Amino acid sequence: MRKFYMNGEDILITCSRRIDEAGFARACEFVAKCDKAILEMRKSSIILLQDNELNSIVIERMNTDTFTLHVQYEINCKNVFQIN
């Protein structure tokens, strides 16, 4: 679990057992880069964050009194295909 303080909000980040330490660190970097935009997430919503290299993480905002984000998956760009 990691805690951020962003724009007056405490944000807790937890992760699934499917995520290793390195993946969790990358997910926390993704969230930090989102800055205040991440605060627009509603409770019980799920989002996909993607970087320029198409690496992605799936995050769920938990339905709790705190602003808790749960990292569900990390998707490597090798497993992402763009269909036009």
Protein backbone atom coordinates (compact mmCIF):
# COMPACT_ATOMS: atom_id res chain seq x y z
CA MET A 1 0.00 0.00 0.00
CA ARG A 2 1.21 3.50 -0.77
CA LYS A 3 -0.19 6.87 0.23
CA PHE A 4 -0.09 10.07 -1.85
CA TYR A 5 -1.17 13.56 -0.91
CA MET A 6 -2.46 15.30 -4.02
CA ASN A 7 -4.38 18.59 -4.21
CA GLY A 8 -5.70 18.34 -0.68
CA GLU A 9 -6.69 14.65 -0.93
CA ASP A 10 -5.08 11.60 0.61
CA ILE A 11 -4.94 8.84 -1.99
CA LEU A 12 -4.29 5.24 -0.96
CA ILE A 13 -3.08 2.79 -3.59
CA THR A 14 -3.34 -0.94 -3.10
CA CYS A 15 -2.78 -3.76 -5.57
CA SER A 16 -3.85 -7.22 -6.54
CA ARG A 17 -1.69 -10.23 -5.79
CA ARG A 18 -1.12 -10.47 -9.55
CA ILE A 19 1.07 -7.33 -9.40
CA ASP A 20 4.71 -7.59 -8.35
CA GLU A 21 6.69 -4.84 -6.59
CA ALA A 22 8.07 -3.38 -9.83
CA GLY A 23 4.60 -3.31 -11.37
CA PHE A 24 3.20 -1.62 -8.29
CA ALA A 25 5.94 1.02 -8.44
CA ARG A 26 5.09 1.70 -12.11
CA ALA A 27 1.40 1.96 -11.25
CA CYS A 28 2.17 4.51 -8.54
CA GLU A 29 4.20 6.53 -11.08
CA PHE A 30 1.22 6.44 -13.48
CA VAL A 31 -1.08 7.77 -10.76
CA ALA A 32 1.39 10.49 -9.76
CA LYS A 33 1.62 11.65 -13.40
CA CYS A 34 -2.17 11.94 -13.57
CA ASP A 35 -2.03 14.55 -10.81
CA LYS A 36 -5.42 16.11 -10.08
CA ALA A 37 -7.15 14.42 -13.05
CA ILE A 38 -7.20 11.16 -11.07
CA LEU A 39 -9.36 12.87 -8.44
CA GLU A 40 -12.25 12.94 -10.93
CA MET A 41 -12.73 9.18 -10.56
CA ARG A 42 -16.05 8.20 -9.01
CA LYS A 43 -16.44 5.42 -6.48
CA SER A 44 -16.67 1.93 -7.97
CA SER A 45 -15.33 3.05 -11.36
CA ILE A 46 -12.57 1.40 -13.36
CA ILE A 47 -10.08 3.17 -15.64
CA LEU A 48 -7.24 2.20 -17.94
CA LEU A 49 -4.11 4.36 -17.74
CA GLN A 50 -1.76 4.16 -20.71
CA ASP A 51 1.66 5.71 -21.36
CA ASN A 52 3.27 6.68 -24.68
CA GLU A 53 4.75 3.20 -25.11
CA LEU A 54 1.26 1.66 -24.70
CA ASN A 55 2.05 0.09 -21.34
CA SER A 56 -1.20 0.07 -19.38
CA ILE A 57 -2.57 -0.46 -15.91
CA VAL A 58 -6.16 -1.09 -14.88
CA ILE A 59 -7.21 0.77 -11.73
CA GLU A 60 -10.44 0.52 -9.76
CA ARG A 61 -11.59 3.15 -7.30
CA MET A 62 -12.90 1.29 -4.30
CA ASN A 63 -16.28 2.15 -2.81
CA THR A 64 -14.93 3.33 0.55
CA ASP A 65 -14.93 6.54 2.57
CA THR A 66 -11.27 7.10 1.66
CA PHE A 67 -9.95 7.75 -1.83
CA THR A 68 -8.58 4.25 -2.42
CA LEU A 69 -7.35 3.03 -5.80
CA HIS A 70 -6.79 -0.68 -6.38
CA VAL A 71 -4.43 -1.76 -9.17
CA GLN A 72 -6.03 -4.77 -10.83
CA TYR A 73 -3.71 -5.51 -13.77
CA GLU A 74 -0.56 -4.33 -15.46
CA ILE A 75 -0.63 -4.86 -19.22
CA ASN A 76 2.68 -4.90 -21.06
CA CYS A 77 2.72 -3.17 -24.46
CA LYS A 78 3.68 -6.47 -26.10
CA ASN A 79 0.19 -7.70 -25.29
CA VAL A 80 -1.65 -4.63 -26.61
CA PHE A 81 -2.90 -4.47 -30.19
CA GLN A 82 -4.42 -1.42 -31.81
CA ILE A 83 -7.31 -2.11 -34.16
CA ASN A 84 -8.38 0.71 -36.46
